[in-house]
Amino acid sequence: MARAWWQWGKPEQAAQSLLDAFRVTPAEVQDRPAMRAIVRELHHKRPRVSGVSELSRAVLAR
């Protein structure tokens, strides 16, 4: 769902969807290149969106 939100230009919903997924199954977000790419883009393009800093620390710090 996060990929769809991101493609629709909805960064807040994309970030929330990724956070929800991360909280349930962290590996699904950390180990999938497409999800890591969205987190990277959110981190660089929309760093002030709620949850992006938490996501970045959790996913990109590996």
Protein backbone atom coordinates (compact mmCIF):
# COMPACT_ATOMS: atom_id res chain seq x y z
CA MET A 1 0.00 0.00 0.00
CA ALA A 2 2.90 2.35 0.75
CA ARG A 3 4.05 2.18 -2.85
CA ALA A 4 0.60 3.16 -4.09
CA TRP A 5 0.38 6.10 -1.68
CA TRP A 6 3.83 7.28 -2.75
CA GLN A 7 2.95 7.04 -6.45
CA TRP A 8 -0.26 8.99 -5.82
CA GLY A 9 1.77 11.79 -4.23
CA LYS A 10 0.57 11.12 -0.69
CA PRO A 11 3.76 11.09 1.42
CA GLU A 12 1.96 11.22 4.77
CA GLN A 13 -0.05 8.11 3.98
CA ALA A 14 3.00 6.37 2.48
CA ALA A 15 5.03 7.02 5.63
CA GLN A 16 2.21 5.84 7.88
CA SER A 17 1.74 2.69 5.82
CA LEU A 18 5.46 1.91 6.01
CA LEU A 19 5.51 2.52 9.76
CA ASP A 20 2.53 0.24 10.24
CA ALA A 21 4.20 -2.48 8.19
CA PHE A 22 7.51 -2.00 10.02
CA ARG A 23 5.87 -2.37 13.42
CA VAL A 24 4.29 -5.69 12.41
CA THR A 25 7.07 -7.18 10.26
CA PRO A 26 10.26 -5.07 10.24
CA ALA A 27 12.02 -7.31 7.72
CA GLU A 28 9.35 -6.64 5.10
CA VAL A 29 10.36 -2.99 5.07
CA GLN A 30 14.07 -3.31 5.84
CA ASP A 31 14.87 -6.07 3.36
CA ARG A 32 12.82 -5.03 0.33
CA PRO A 33 14.74 -2.71 -2.00
CA ALA A 34 11.56 -1.01 -3.23
CA MET A 35 10.47 -0.15 0.30
CA ARG A 36 13.94 1.05 1.27
CA ALA A 37 13.90 3.27 -1.83
CA ILE A 38 10.64 4.88 -0.76
CA VAL A 39 12.02 5.46 2.74
CA ARG A 40 15.14 7.05 1.21
CA GLU A 41 13.03 9.31 -1.01
CA LEU A 42 10.80 10.30 1.90
CA HIS A 43 13.90 11.03 3.97
CA HIS A 44 15.38 13.30 1.28
CA LYS A 45 12.26 14.89 -0.21
CA ARG A 46 9.85 15.01 2.73
CA PRO A 47 11.87 14.84 5.96
CA ARG A 48 9.28 16.78 7.98
CA VAL A 49 6.42 14.39 7.29
CA SER A 50 5.28 12.70 10.48
CA GLY A 51 7.05 9.38 11.04
CA VAL A 52 9.76 9.84 8.40
CA SER A 53 12.58 10.42 10.89
CA GLU A 54 11.56 7.29 12.84
CA LEU A 55 11.37 5.29 9.62
CA SER A 56 14.74 6.55 8.45
CA ARG A 57 16.44 5.60 11.69
CA ALA A 58 14.88 2.15 11.67
CA VAL A 59 15.34 1.28 8.01
CA LEU A 60 18.31 3.23 6.69
CA ALA A 61 20.59 2.89 9.72
CA ARG A 62 21.23 -0.79 8.94
